[in-house]
Amino acid sequence: MNALGRHILAEFYGCNASILNDVKKVEDIMVNAALEAGAEVREVAFHKFSPQGVSGVVVISESHLAIHTWPELGYAAVDVFTCGDRVNPWDACQHLVTKLEAAEVDAREVKRGQLKEVTAQKVS
């Protein structure tokens, strides 16, 4: 691997609004997406907004998954960031496509930590 991590930035369109507005369902889907990718879940925090919408994060040993939903638009913004080469963030994204019932997804991968040269530095 020539980067410390892989960060998927995904836009989910045409999702099931009732799923996007259900904090428990969104949490379960996100945790299972992490597990499907082979990640180790550490912490989970989700919040239901009034009148609608859910935001949350699944902290994994390998980094995190985050989601913000707009049920009224059938839209979700998702980040899947993994470090190392054991976990495939695209596996998590594919799980989300299915479970959020997305009609369309626009996703791209950003390589994180492409270090040109590693040098030891003393921190004082």
PDB file of N, CA and C in Angstrom:
ATOM      1  N   MET A   1       0.855  -1.183   0.000  1.00  0.00           N
ATOM      2  CA  MET A   1       0.000   0.000   0.000  1.00  0.00           C
ATOM      3  C   MET A   1       0.893   1.235   0.000  1.00  0.00           C
ATOM      4  N   ASN A   2       0.554   2.209  -0.825  1.00  0.00           N
ATOM      5  CA  ASN A   2       1.349   3.424  -0.898  1.00  0.00           C
ATOM      6  C   ASN A   2       0.673   4.597  -0.189  1.00  0.00           C
ATOM      7  N   ALA A   3      -0.233   4.306   0.736  1.00  0.00           N
ATOM      8  CA  ALA A   3      -0.891   5.330   1.537  1.00  0.00           C
ATOM      9  C   ALA A   3      -1.210   4.726   2.908  1.00  0.00           C
ATOM     10  N   LEU A   4      -1.370   5.590   3.885  1.00  0.00           N
ATOM     11  CA  LEU A   4      -1.720   5.108   5.219  1.00  0.00           C
ATOM     12  C   LEU A   4      -3.168   4.659   5.300  1.00  0.00           C
ATOM     13  N   GLY A   5      -4.023   5.277   4.474  1.00  0.00           N
ATOM     14  CA  GLY A   5      -5.437   4.928   4.547  1.00  0.00           C
ATOM     15  C   GLY A   5      -6.178   5.205   3.260  1.00  0.00           C
ATOM     16  N   ARG A   6      -7.383   4.661   3.213  1.00  0.00           N
ATOM     17  CA  ARG A   6      -8.289   4.852   2.082  1.00  0.00           C
ATOM     18  C   ARG A   6      -9.558   5.488   2.623  1.00  0.00           C
ATOM     19  N   HIS A   7      -9.994   6.580   1.994  1.00  0.00           N
ATOM     20  CA  HIS A   7     -11.161   7.331   2.453  1.00  0.00           C
ATOM     21  C   HIS A   7     -12.171   7.392   1.317  1.00  0.00           C
ATOM     22  N   ILE A   8     -13.289   6.732   1.499  1.00  0.00           N
ATOM     23  CA  ILE A   8     -14.371   6.774   0.516  1.00  0.00           C
ATOM     24  C   ILE A   8     -15.322   7.901   0.906  1.00  0.00           C
ATOM     25  N   LEU A   9     -15.569   8.803  -0.024  1.00  0.00           N
ATOM     26  CA  LEU A   9     -16.545   9.884   0.141  1.00  0.00           C
ATOM     27  C   LEU A   9     -17.709   9.542  -0.781  1.00  0.00           C
ATOM     28  N   ALA A  10     -18.873   9.289  -0.194  1.00  0.00           N
ATOM     29  CA  ALA A  10     -19.994   8.785  -0.991  1.00  0.00           C
ATOM     30  C   ALA A  10     -21.257   9.619  -0.798  1.00  0.00           C
ATOM     31  N   GLU A  11     -21.952   9.824  -1.906  1.00  0.00           N
ATOM     32  CA  GLU A  11     -23.238  10.515  -1.942  1.00  0.00           C
ATOM     33  C   GLU A  11     -24.285   9.468  -2.321  1.00  0.00           C
ATOM     34  N   PHE A  12     -25.261   9.233  -1.450  1.00  0.00           N
ATOM     35  CA  PHE A  12     -26.311   8.250  -1.692  1.00  0.00           C
ATOM     36  C   PHE A  12     -27.608   8.987  -2.007  1.00  0.00           C
ATOM     37  N   TYR A  13     -28.169   8.717  -3.188  1.00  0.00           N
ATOM     38  CA  TYR A  13     -29.395   9.389  -3.646  1.00  0.00           C
ATOM     39  C   TYR A  13     -30.525   8.375  -3.792  1.00  0.00           C
ATOM     40  N   GLY A  14     -31.757   8.862  -3.645  1.00  0.00           N
ATOM     41  CA  GLY A  14     -32.927   8.013  -3.851  1.00  0.00           C
ATOM     42  C   GLY A  14     -33.060   6.915  -2.817  1.00  0.00           C
ATOM     43  N   CYS A  15     -32.599   7.189  -1.597  1.00  0.00           N
ATOM     44  CA  CYS A  15     -32.675   6.201  -0.520  1.00  0.00           C
ATOM     45  C   CYS A  15     -34.078   6.151   0.078  1.00  0.00           C
ATOM     46  N   ASN A  16     -34.345   5.072   0.786  1.00  0.00           N
ATOM     47  CA  ASN A  16     -35.608   4.903   1.486  1.00  0.00           C
ATOM     48  C   ASN A  16     -35.669   5.904   2.639  1.00  0.00           C
ATOM     49  N   ALA A  17     -36.605   6.851   2.580  1.00  0.00           N
ATOM     50  CA  ALA A  17     -36.706   7.930   3.572  1.00  0.00           C
ATOM     51  C   ALA A  17     -36.989   7.409   4.970  1.00  0.00           C
ATOM     52  N   SER A  18     -37.798   6.375   5.084  1.00  0.00           N
ATOM     53  CA  SER A  18     -38.122   5.864   6.425  1.00  0.00           C
ATOM     54  C   SER A  18     -36.899   5.228   7.090  1.00  0.00           C
ATOM     55  N   ILE A  19     -36.035   4.631   6.296  1.00  0.00           N
ATOM     56  CA  ILE A  19     -34.791   4.088   6.848  1.00  0.00           C
ATOM     57  C   ILE A  19     -33.888   5.236   7.285  1.00  0.00           C
ATOM     58  N   LEU A  20     -33.728   6.241   6.435  1.00  0.00           N
ATOM     59  CA  LEU A  20     -32.848   7.368   6.734  1.00  0.00           C
ATOM     60  C   LEU A  20     -33.274   8.155   7.963  1.00  0.00           C
ATOM     61  N   ASN A  21     -34.537   8.048   8.350  1.00  0.00           N
ATOM     62  CA  ASN A  21     -35.048   8.808   9.485  1.00  0.00           C
ATOM     63  C   ASN A  21     -35.137   7.971  10.760  1.00  0.00           C
ATOM     64  N   ASP A  22     -34.719   6.714  10.710  1.00  0.00           N
ATOM     65  CA  ASP A  22     -34.798   5.804  11.850  1.00  0.00           C
ATOM     66  C   ASP A  22     -33.404   5.612  12.435  1.00  0.00           C
ATOM     67  N   VAL A  23     -33.142   6.258  13.565  1.00  0.00           N
ATOM     68  CA  VAL A  23     -31.801   6.252  14.133  1.00  0.00           C
ATOM     69  C   VAL A  23     -31.308   4.843  14.442  1.00  0.00           C
ATOM     70  N   LYS A  24     -32.179   3.976  14.922  1.00  0.00           N
ATOM     71  CA  LYS A  24     -31.767   2.611  15.260  1.00  0.00           C
ATOM     72  C   LYS A  24     -31.408   1.818  14.001  1.00  0.00           C
ATOM     73  N   LYS A  25     -32.216   1.963  12.945  1.00  0.00           N
ATOM     74  CA  LYS A  25     -31.918   1.271  11.690  1.00  0.00           C
ATOM     75  C   LYS A  25     -30.613   1.766  11.083  1.00  0.00           C
ATOM     76  N   VAL A  26     -30.420   3.081  11.068  1.00  0.00           N
ATOM     77  CA  VAL A  26     -29.192   3.646  10.500  1.00  0.00           C
ATOM     78  C   VAL A  26     -27.984   3.162  11.292  1.00  0.00           C
ATOM     79  N   GLU A  27     -28.088   3.172  12.610  1.00  0.00           N
ATOM     80  CA  GLU A  27     -26.987   2.683  13.449  1.00  0.00           C
ATOM     81  C   GLU A  27     -26.666   1.221  13.145  1.00  0.00           C
ATOM     82  N   ASP A  28     -27.689   0.385  13.093  1.00  0.00           N
ATOM     83  CA  ASP A  28     -27.481  -1.042  12.804  1.00  0.00           C
ATOM     84  C   ASP A  28     -26.841  -1.245  11.429  1.00  0.00           C
ATOM     85  N   ILE A  29     -27.323  -0.510  10.451  1.00  0.00           N
ATOM     86  CA  ILE A  29     -26.786  -0.628   9.088  1.00  0.00           C
ATOM     87  C   ILE A  29     -25.315  -0.217   9.055  1.00  0.00           C
ATOM     88  N   MET A  30     -24.981   0.868   9.730  1.00  0.00           N
ATOM     89  CA  MET A  30     -23.592   1.344   9.738  1.00  0.00           C
ATOM     90  C   MET A  30     -22.666   0.380  10.477  1.00  0.00           C
ATOM     91  N   VAL A  31     -23.098  -0.128  11.609  1.00  0.00           N
ATOM     92  CA  VAL A  31     -22.280  -1.097  12.352  1.00  0.00           C
ATOM     93  C   VAL A  31     -22.066  -2.345  11.510  1.00  0.00           C
ATOM     94  N   ASN A  32     -23.122  -2.824  10.873  1.00  0.00           N
ATOM     95  CA  ASN A  32     -22.991  -4.014  10.038  1.00  0.00           C
ATOM     96  C   ASN A  32     -22.145  -3.764   8.798  1.00  0.00           C
ATOM     97  N   ALA A  33     -22.159  -2.541   8.277  1.00  0.00           N
ATOM     98  CA  ALA A  33     -21.286  -2.204   7.149  1.00  0.00           C
ATOM     99  C   ALA A  33     -19.825  -2.329   7.570  1.00  0.00           C
ATOM    100  N   ALA A  34     -19.519  -1.841   8.759  1.00  0.00           N
ATOM    101  CA  ALA A  34     -18.150  -1.959   9.273  1.00  0.00           C
ATOM    102  C   ALA A  34     -17.761  -3.427   9.427  1.00  0.00           C
ATOM    103  N   LEU A  35     -18.649  -4.213   9.982  1.00  0.00           N
ATOM    104  CA  LEU A  35     -18.370  -5.635  10.189  1.00  0.00           C
ATOM    105  C   LEU A  35     -18.231  -6.376   8.860  1.00  0.00           C
ATOM    106  N   GLU A  36     -19.075  -6.024   7.883  1.00  0.00           N
ATOM    107  CA  GLU A  36     -18.993  -6.647   6.556  1.00  0.00           C
ATOM    108  C   GLU A  36     -17.634  -6.393   5.904  1.00  0.00           C
ATOM    109  N   ALA A  37     -17.057  -5.241   6.196  1.00  0.00           N
ATOM    110  CA  ALA A  37     -15.752  -4.887   5.627  1.00  0.00           C
ATOM    111  C   ALA A  37     -14.597  -5.537   6.395  1.00  0.00           C
ATOM    112  N   GLY A  38     -14.917  -6.182   7.512  1.00  0.00           N
ATOM    113  CA  GLY A  38     -13.884  -6.843   8.305  1.00  0.00           C
ATOM    114  C   GLY A  38     -13.276  -5.965   9.380  1.00  0.00           C
ATOM    115  N   ALA A  39     -13.939  -4.849   9.703  1.00  0.00           N
ATOM    116  CA  ALA A  39     -13.417  -3.920  10.703  1.00  0.00           C
ATOM    117  C   ALA A  39     -13.784  -4.371  12.112  1.00  0.00           C
ATOM    118  N   GLU A  40     -13.058  -3.820  13.071  1.00  0.00           N
ATOM    119  CA  GLU A  40     -13.309  -4.072  14.484  1.00  0.00           C
ATOM    120  C   GLU A  40     -13.954  -2.826  15.082  1.00  0.00           C
ATOM    121  N   VAL A  41     -15.226  -2.946  15.466  1.00  0.00           N
ATOM    122  CA  VAL A  41     -15.976  -1.804  15.999  1.00  0.00           C
ATOM    123  C   VAL A  41     -15.541  -1.507  17.430  1.00  0.00           C
ATOM    124  N   ARG A  42     -15.265  -0.225  17.705  1.00  0.00           N
ATOM    125  CA  ARG A  42     -14.835   0.226  19.035  1.00  0.00           C
ATOM    126  C   ARG A  42     -15.902   1.047  19.755  1.00  0.00           C
ATOM    127  N   GLU A  43     -16.454   2.064  19.087  1.00  0.00           N
ATOM    128  CA  GLU A  43     -17.443   2.963  19.695  1.00  0.00           C
ATOM    129  C   GLU A  43     -18.502   3.314  18.651  1.00  0.00           C
ATOM    130  N   VAL A  44     -19.696   3.646  19.144  1.00  0.00           N
ATOM    131  CA  VAL A  44     -20.800   4.013  18.267  1.00  0.00           C
ATOM    132  C   VAL A  44     -21.528   5.207  18.887  1.00  0.00           C
ATOM    133  N   ALA A  45     -21.810   6.223  18.082  1.00  0.00           N
ATOM    134  CA  ALA A  45     -22.570   7.385  18.556  1.00  0.00           C
ATOM    135  C   ALA A  45     -23.476   7.875  17.430  1.00  0.00           C
ATOM    136  N   PHE A  46     -24.789   7.905  17.706  1.00  0.00           N
ATOM    137  CA  PHE A  46     -25.771   8.351  16.714  1.00  0.00           C
ATOM    138  C   PHE A  46     -26.763   9.303  17.361  1.00  0.00           C
ATOM    139  N   HIS A  47     -27.283  10.224  16.547  1.00  0.00           N
ATOM    140  CA  HIS A  47     -28.226  11.220  17.033  1.00  0.00           C
ATOM    141  C   HIS A  47     -29.371  11.382  16.040  1.00  0.00           C
ATOM    142  N   LYS A  48     -30.597  11.439  16.541  1.00  0.00           N
ATOM    143  CA  LYS A  48     -31.790  11.689  15.734  1.00  0.00           C
ATOM    144  C   LYS A  48     -32.153  13.155  15.874  1.00  0.00           C
ATOM    145  N   PHE A  49     -32.274  13.850  14.757  1.00  0.00           N
ATOM    146  CA  PHE A  49     -32.635  15.262  14.763  1.00  0.00           C
ATOM    147  C   PHE A  49     -34.148  15.425  14.654  1.00  0.00           C
ATOM    148  N   SER A  50     -34.650  16.586  15.083  1.00  0.00           N
ATOM    149  CA  SER A  50     -36.057  16.913  14.976  1.00  0.00           C
ATOM    150  C   SER A  50     -36.190  18.074  13.998  1.00  0.00           C
ATOM    151  N   PRO A  51     -37.020  17.989  13.009  1.00  0.00           N
ATOM    152  CA  PRO A  51     -38.041  16.968  12.841  1.00  0.00           C
ATOM    153  C   PRO A  51     -37.560  15.708  12.112  1.00  0.00           C
ATOM    154  N   GLN A  52     -36.384  15.755  11.492  1.00  0.00           N
ATOM    155  CA  GLN A  52     -35.936  14.585  10.728  1.00  0.00           C
ATOM    156  C   GLN A  52     -34.430  14.596  10.554  1.00  0.00           C
ATOM    157  N   GLY A  53     -33.885  13.425  10.243  1.00  0.00           N
ATOM    158  CA  GLY A  53     -32.466  13.294   9.966  1.00  0.00           C
ATOM    159  C   GLY A  53     -31.714  12.584  11.074  1.00  0.00           C
ATOM    160  N   VAL A  54     -30.648  11.935  10.663  1.00  0.00           N
ATOM    161  CA  VAL A  54     -29.796  11.178  11.573  1.00  0.00           C
ATOM    162  C   VAL A  54     -28.345  11.468  11.221  1.00  0.00           C
ATOM    163  N   SER A  55     -27.520  11.606  12.243  1.00  0.00           N
ATOM    164  CA  SER A  55     -26.075  11.680  12.054  1.00  0.00           C
ATOM    165  C   SER A  55     -25.432  10.695  13.011  1.00  0.00           C
ATOM    166  N   GLY A  56     -24.322  10.107  12.565  1.00  0.00           N
ATOM    167  CA  GLY A  56     -23.657   9.177  13.455  1.00  0.00           C
ATOM    168  C   GLY A  56     -22.299   8.758  12.968  1.00  0.00           C
ATOM    169  N   VAL A  57     -21.574   8.147  13.890  1.00  0.00           N
ATOM    170  CA  VAL A  57     -20.235   7.664  13.589  1.00  0.00           C
ATOM    171  C   VAL A  57     -20.020   6.303  14.254  1.00  0.00           C
ATOM    172  N   VAL A  58     -19.323   5.458  13.514  1.00  0.00           N
ATOM    173  CA  VAL A  58     -18.873   4.173  14.034  1.00  0.00           C
ATOM    174  C   VAL A  58     -17.356   4.252  14.053  1.00  0.00           C
ATOM    175  N   VAL A  59     -16.791   4.258  15.244  1.00  0.00           N
ATOM    176  CA  VAL A  59     -15.340   4.289  15.376  1.00  0.00           C
ATOM    177  C   VAL A  59     -14.855   2.843  15.314  1.00  0.00           C
ATOM    178  N   ILE A  60     -13.927   2.593  14.406  1.00  0.00           N
ATOM    179  CA  ILE A  60     -13.365   1.255  14.242  1.00  0.00           C
ATOM    180  C   ILE A  60     -11.870   1.313  14.543  1.00  0.00           C
ATOM    181  N   SER A  61     -11.296   0.180  14.850  1.00  0.00           N
ATOM    182  CA  SER A  61      -9.853   0.140  15.114  1.00  0.00           C
ATOM    183  C   SER A  61      -9.084   0.717  13.938  1.00  0.00           C
ATOM    184  N   GLU A  62      -9.634   0.576  12.748  1.00  0.00           N
ATOM    185  CA  GLU A  62      -8.972   0.990  11.518  1.00  0.00           C
ATOM    186  C   GLU A  62      -9.306   2.416  11.104  1.00  0.00           C
ATOM    187  N   SER A  63     -10.170   3.130  11.794  1.00  0.00           N
ATOM    188  CA  SER A  63     -10.513   4.538  11.606  1.00  0.00           C
ATOM    189  C   SER A  63     -11.992   4.779  11.898  1.00  0.00           C
ATOM    190  N   HIS A  64     -12.849   5.069  10.866  1.00  0.00           N
ATOM    191  CA  HIS A  64     -14.253   5.368  11.168  1.00  0.00           C
ATOM    192  C   HIS A  64     -15.169   5.271   9.941  1.00  0.00           C
ATOM    193  N   LEU A  65     -16.462   5.182  10.237  1.00  0.00           N
ATOM    194  CA  LEU A  65     -17.521   5.350   9.251  1.00  0.00           C
ATOM    195  C   LEU A  65     -18.436   6.444   9.802  1.00  0.00           C
ATOM    196  N   ALA A  66     -18.880   7.364   8.960  1.00  0.00           N
ATOM    197  CA  ALA A  66     -19.774   8.438   9.395  1.00  0.00           C
ATOM    198  C   ALA A  66     -20.891   8.610   8.376  1.00  0.00           C
ATOM    199  N   ILE A  67     -22.066   9.050   8.881  1.00  0.00           N
ATOM    200  CA  ILE A  67     -23.220   9.271   8.005  1.00  0.00           C
ATOM    201  C   ILE A  67     -24.003  10.483   8.487  1.00  0.00           C
ATOM    202  N   HIS A  68     -24.589  11.199   7.526  1.00  0.00           N
ATOM    203  CA  HIS A  68     -25.504  12.308   7.787  1.00  0.00           C
ATOM    204  C   HIS A  68     -26.643  12.133   6.792  1.00  0.00           C
ATOM    205  N   THR A  69     -27.887  12.099   7.286  1.00  0.00           N
ATOM    206  CA  THR A  69     -29.020  11.827   6.402  1.00  0.00           C
ATOM    207  C   THR A  69     -29.977  13.014   6.296  1.00  0.00           C
ATOM    208  N   TRP A  70     -30.585  13.113   5.125  1.00  0.00           N
ATOM    209  CA  TRP A  70     -31.646  14.068   4.834  1.00  0.00           C
ATOM    210  C   TRP A  70     -32.814  13.238   4.281  1.00  0.00           C
ATOM    211  N   PRO A  71     -33.644  12.667   5.154  1.00  0.00           N
ATOM    212  CA  PRO A  71     -34.733  11.797   4.691  1.00  0.00           C
ATOM    213  C   PRO A  71     -35.680  12.475   3.709  1.00  0.00           C
ATOM    214  N   GLU A  72     -35.932  13.757   3.924  1.00  0.00           N
ATOM    215  CA  GLU A  72     -36.857  14.484   3.057  1.00  0.00           C
ATOM    216  C   GLU A  72     -36.351  14.585   1.626  1.00  0.00           C
ATOM    217  N   LEU A  73     -35.051  14.360   1.438  1.00  0.00           N
ATOM    218  CA  LEU A  73     -34.444  14.385   0.105  1.00  0.00           C
ATOM    219  C   LEU A  73     -34.016  13.000  -0.363  1.00  0.00           C
ATOM    220  N   GLY A  74     -34.179  12.000   0.494  1.00  0.00           N
ATOM    221  CA  GLY A  74     -33.729  10.649   0.153  1.00  0.00           C
ATOM    222  C   GLY A  74     -32.214  10.578   0.001  1.00  0.00           C
ATOM    223  N   TYR A  75     -31.500  11.437   0.723  1.00  0.00           N
ATOM    224  CA  TYR A  75     -30.062  11.610   0.549  1.00  0.00           C
ATOM    225  C   TYR A  75     -29.287  11.290   1.824  1.00  0.00           C
ATOM    226  N   ALA A  76     -28.110  10.691   1.641  1.00  0.00           N
ATOM    227  CA  ALA A  76     -27.184  10.475   2.751  1.00  0.00           C
ATOM    228  C   ALA A  76     -25.762  10.758   2.282  1.00  0.00           C
ATOM    229  N   ALA A  77     -24.999  11.442   3.126  1.00  0.00           N
ATOM    230  CA  ALA A  77     -23.572  11.669   2.900  1.00  0.00           C
ATOM    231  C   ALA A  77     -22.825  10.704   3.805  1.00  0.00           C
ATOM    232  N   VAL A  78     -21.901   9.947   3.221  1.00  0.00           N
ATOM    233  CA  VAL A  78     -21.209   8.898   3.970  1.00  0.00           C
ATOM    234  C   VAL A  78     -19.703   8.994   3.758  1.00  0.00           C
ATOM    235  N   ASP A  79     -18.967   8.811   4.848  1.00  0.00           N
ATOM    236  CA  ASP A  79     -17.508   8.674   4.807  1.00  0.00           C
ATOM    237  C   ASP A  79     -17.156   7.300   5.356  1.00  0.00           C
ATOM    238  N   VAL A  80     -16.284   6.608   4.662  1.00  0.00           N
ATOM    239  CA  VAL A  80     -15.726   5.356   5.169  1.00  0.00           C
ATOM    240  C   VAL A  80     -14.211   5.485   5.052  1.00  0.00           C
ATOM    241  N   PHE A  81     -13.554   5.584   6.199  1.00  0.00           N
ATOM    242  CA  PHE A  81     -12.105   5.787   6.238  1.00  0.00           C
ATOM    243  C   PHE A  81     -11.474   4.593   6.938  1.00  0.00           C
ATOM    244  N   THR A  82     -10.572   3.907   6.230  1.00  0.00           N
ATOM    245  CA  THR A  82      -9.889   2.762   6.820  1.00  0.00           C
ATOM    246  C   THR A  82      -8.386   2.917   6.658  1.00  0.00           C
ATOM    247  N   CYS A  83      -7.670   2.488   7.667  1.00  0.00           N
ATOM    248  CA  CYS A  83      -6.210   2.496   7.638  1.00  0.00           C
ATOM    249  C   CYS A  83      -5.725   1.059   7.540  1.00  0.00           C
ATOM    250  N   GLY A  84      -4.557   0.884   6.965  1.00  0.00           N
ATOM    251  CA  GLY A  84      -4.034  -0.464   6.796  1.00  0.00           C
ATOM    252  C   GLY A  84      -4.622  -1.118   5.566  1.00  0.00           C
ATOM    253  N   ASP A  85      -4.283  -2.372   5.355  1.00  0.00           N
ATOM    254  CA  ASP A  85      -4.771  -3.049   4.154  1.00  0.00           C
ATOM    255  C   ASP A  85      -5.646  -4.264   4.452  1.00  0.00           C
ATOM    256  N   ARG A  86      -6.076  -4.419   5.698  1.00  0.00           N
ATOM    257  CA  ARG A  86      -6.902  -5.557   6.078  1.00  0.00           C
ATOM    258  C   ARG A  86      -8.391  -5.324   5.809  1.00  0.00           C
ATOM    259  N   VAL A  87      -8.834  -4.082   5.885  1.00  0.00           N
ATOM    260  CA  VAL A  87     -10.256  -3.747   5.728  1.00  0.00           C
ATOM    261  C   VAL A  87     -10.456  -3.034   4.394  1.00  0.00           C
ATOM    262  N   ASN A  88     -11.470  -3.466   3.638  1.00  0.00           N
ATOM    263  CA  ASN A  88     -11.774  -2.851   2.345  1.00  0.00           C
ATOM    264  C   ASN A  88     -12.974  -1.910   2.495  1.00  0.00           C
ATOM    265  N   PRO A  89     -12.781  -0.596   2.394  1.00  0.00           N
ATOM    266  CA  PRO A  89     -13.891   0.330   2.583  1.00  0.00           C
ATOM    267  C   PRO A  89     -14.996   0.185   1.541  1.00  0.00           C
ATOM    268  N   TRP A  90     -14.665  -0.345   0.367  1.00  0.00           N
ATOM    269  CA  TRP A  90     -15.686  -0.537  -0.671  1.00  0.00           C
ATOM    270  C   TRP A  90     -16.685  -1.616  -0.273  1.00  0.00           C
ATOM    271  N   ASP A  91     -16.268  -2.586   0.522  1.00  0.00           N
ATOM    272  CA  ASP A  91     -17.208  -3.600   1.014  1.00  0.00           C
ATOM    273  C   ASP A  91     -18.267  -2.955   1.909  1.00  0.00           C
ATOM    274  N   ALA A  92     -17.841  -2.020   2.750  1.00  0.00           N
ATOM    275  CA  ALA A  92     -18.791  -1.295   3.599  1.00  0.00           C
ATOM    276  C   ALA A  92     -19.748  -0.472   2.746  1.00  0.00           C
ATOM    277  N   CYS A  93     -19.230   0.202   1.735  1.00  0.00           N
ATOM    278  CA  CYS A  93     -20.082   1.019   0.858  1.00  0.00           C
ATOM    279  C   CYS A  93     -21.117   0.174   0.131  1.00  0.00           C
ATOM    280  N   GLN A  94     -20.713  -0.984  -0.352  1.00  0.00           N
ATOM    281  CA  GLN A  94     -21.666  -1.852  -1.059  1.00  0.00           C
ATOM    282  C   GLN A  94     -22.790  -2.294  -0.126  1.00  0.00           C
ATOM    283  N   HIS A  95     -22.457  -2.594   1.116  1.00  0.00           N
ATOM    284  CA  HIS A  95     -23.475  -2.952   2.113  1.00  0.00           C
ATOM    285  C   HIS A  95     -24.464  -1.798   2.291  1.00  0.00           C
ATOM    286  N   LEU A  96     -23.946  -0.574   2.352  1.00  0.00           N
ATOM    287  CA  LEU A  96     -24.799   0.595   2.538  1.00  0.00           C
ATOM    288  C   LEU A  96     -25.719   0.839   1.345  1.00  0.00           C
ATOM    289  N   VAL A  97     -25.216   0.625   0.147  1.00  0.00           N
ATOM    290  CA  VAL A  97     -26.045   0.786  -1.059  1.00  0.00           C
ATOM    291  C   VAL A  97     -27.287  -0.094  -0.949  1.00  0.00           C
ATOM    292  N   THR A  98     -27.063  -1.327  -0.578  1.00  0.00           N
ATOM    293  CA  THR A  98     -28.169  -2.294  -0.477  1.00  0.00           C
ATOM    294  C   THR A  98     -29.123  -1.937   0.658  1.00  0.00           C
ATOM    295  N   LYS A  99     -28.594  -1.717   1.831  1.00  0.00           N
ATOM    296  CA  LYS A  99     -29.437  -1.530   3.021  1.00  0.00           C
ATOM    297  C   LYS A  99     -30.144  -0.173   3.068  1.00  0.00           C
ATOM    298  N   LEU A 100     -29.570   0.858   2.462  1.00  0.00           N
ATOM    299  CA  LEU A 100     -30.244   2.156   2.409  1.00  0.00           C
ATOM    300  C   LEU A 100     -31.177   2.251   1.205  1.00  0.00           C
ATOM    301  N   GLU A 101     -31.151   1.195   0.371  1.00  0.00           N
ATOM    302  CA  GLU A 101     -31.981   1.113  -0.832  1.00  0.00           C
ATOM    303  C   GLU A 101     -31.724   2.294  -1.760  1.00  0.00           C
ATOM    304  N   ALA A 102     -30.446   2.615  -1.940  1.00  0.00           N
ATOM    305  CA  ALA A 102     -30.055   3.747  -2.761  1.00  0.00           C
ATOM    306  C   ALA A 102     -30.301   3.483  -4.242  1.00  0.00           C
ATOM    307  N   ALA A 103     -30.888   4.449  -4.914  1.00  0.00           N
ATOM    308  CA  ALA A 103     -31.114   4.352  -6.355  1.00  0.00           C
ATOM    309  C   ALA A 103     -29.860   4.729  -7.126  1.00  0.00           C
ATOM    310  N   GLU A 104     -29.050   5.604  -6.535  1.00  0.00           N
ATOM    311  CA  GLU A 104     -27.839   6.089  -7.206  1.00  0.00           C
ATOM    312  C   GLU A 104     -26.786   6.424  -6.153  1.00  0.00           C
ATOM    313  N   VAL A 105     -25.540   6.149  -6.495  1.00  0.00           N
ATOM    314  CA  VAL A 105     -24.424   6.465  -5.597  1.00  0.00           C
ATOM    315  C   VAL A 105     -23.308   7.098  -6.407  1.00  0.00           C
ATOM    316  N   ASP A 106     -22.766   8.173  -5.867  1.00  0.00           N
ATOM    317  CA  ASP A 106     -21.587   8.807  -6.438  1.00  0.00           C
ATOM    318  C   ASP A 106     -20.505   8.724  -5.367  1.00  0.00           C
ATOM    319  N   ALA A 107     -19.467   7.944  -5.625  1.00  0.00           N
ATOM    320  CA  ALA A 107     -18.433   7.728  -4.620  1.00  0.00           C
ATOM    321  C   ALA A 107     -17.049   7.838  -5.241  1.00  0.00           C
ATOM    322  N   ARG A 108     -16.127   8.324  -4.428  1.00  0.00           N
ATOM    323  CA  ARG A 108     -14.740   8.378  -4.881  1.00  0.00           C
ATOM    324  C   ARG A 108     -13.834   8.029  -3.710  1.00  0.00           C
ATOM    325  N   GLU A 109     -12.655   7.556  -4.043  1.00  0.00           N
ATOM    326  CA  GLU A 109     -11.681   7.178  -3.032  1.00  0.00           C
ATOM    327  C   GLU A 109     -10.541   8.182  -3.008  1.00  0.00           C
ATOM    328  N   VAL A 110     -10.178   8.585  -1.815  1.00  0.00           N
ATOM    329  CA  VAL A 110      -9.047   9.478  -1.608  1.00  0.00           C
ATOM    330  C   VAL A 110      -8.006   8.704  -0.800  1.00  0.00           C
ATOM    331  N   LYS A 111      -6.792   8.689  -1.293  1.00  0.00           N
ATOM    332  CA  LYS A 111      -5.697   8.081  -0.547  1.00  0.00           C
ATOM    333  C   LYS A 111      -5.275   9.069   0.532  1.00  0.00           C
ATOM    334  N   ARG A 112      -5.191   8.606   1.774  1.00  0.00           N
ATOM    335  CA  ARG A 112      -4.801   9.463   2.890  1.00  0.00           C
ATOM    336  C   ARG A 112      -3.404   9.090   3.360  1.00  0.00           C
ATOM    337  N   GLY A 113      -2.626  10.081   3.719  1.00  0.00           N
ATOM    338  CA  GLY A 113      -1.295   9.831   4.259  1.00  0.00           C
ATOM    339  C   GLY A 113      -0.314   9.314   3.238  1.00  0.00           C
ATOM    340  N   GLN A 114      -0.323   9.898   2.056  1.00  0.00           N
ATOM    341  CA  GLN A 114       0.667   9.536   1.049  1.00  0.00           C
ATOM    342  C   GLN A 114       1.951  10.297   1.392  1.00  0.00           C
ATOM    343  N   LEU A 115       2.720   9.698   2.251  1.00  0.00           N
ATOM    344  CA  LEU A 115       3.918  10.352   2.760  1.00  0.00           C
ATOM    345  C   LEU A 115       5.033  10.280   1.736  1.00  0.00           C
ATOM    346  N   LYS A 116       5.598  11.425   1.439  1.00  0.00           N
ATOM    347  CA  LYS A 116       6.686  11.491   0.463  1.00  0.00           C
ATOM    348  C   LYS A 116       7.982  10.971   1.061  1.00  0.00           C
ATOM    349  N   GLU A 117       8.221  11.366   2.312  1.00  0.00           N
ATOM    350  CA  GLU A 117       9.434  10.942   2.984  1.00  0.00           C
ATOM    351  C   GLU A 117       9.154  10.925   4.480  1.00  0.00           C
ATOM    352  N   VAL A 118       9.474   9.844   5.111  1.00  0.00           N
ATOM    353  CA  VAL A 118       9.266   9.738   6.549  1.00  0.00           C
ATOM    354  C   VAL A 118      10.581  10.013   7.252  1.00  0.00           C
ATOM    355  N   THR A 119      10.569  11.028   8.094  1.00  0.00           N
ATOM    356  CA  THR A 119      11.774  11.340   8.862  1.00  0.00           C
ATOM    357  C   THR A 119      11.389  11.467  10.332  1.00  0.00           C
ATOM    358  N   ALA A 120      12.257  11.002  11.189  1.00  0.00           N
ATOM    359  CA  ALA A 120      12.003  11.112  12.621  1.00  0.00           C
ATOM    360  C   ALA A 120      12.197  12.553  13.049  1.00  0.00           C
ATOM    361  N   GLN A 121      11.256  13.043  13.835  1.00  0.00           N
ATOM    362  CA  GLN A 121      11.371  14.397  14.349  1.00  0.00           C
ATOM    363  C   GLN A 121      11.167  14.356  15.861  1.00  0.00           C
ATOM    364  N   LYS A 122      11.935  15.140  16.546  1.00  0.00           N
ATOM    365  CA  LYS A 122      11.803  15.233  17.981  1.00  0.00           C
ATOM    366  C   LYS A 122      10.711  16.241  18.302  1.00  0.00           C
ATOM    367  N   VAL A 123       9.765  15.827  19.125  1.00  0.00           N
ATOM    368  CA  VAL A 123       8.686  16.718  19.539  1.00  0.00           C
ATOM    369  C   VAL A 123       9.004  17.168  20.950  1.00  0.00           C
ATOM    370  N   SER A 124       8.985  18.485  21.151  1.00  0.00           N
ATOM    371  CA  SER A 124       9.296  18.979  22.491  1.00  0.00           C
ATOM    372  C   SER A 124       8.112  19.677  23.120  1.00  0.00           C
TER     373      SER A 124
END
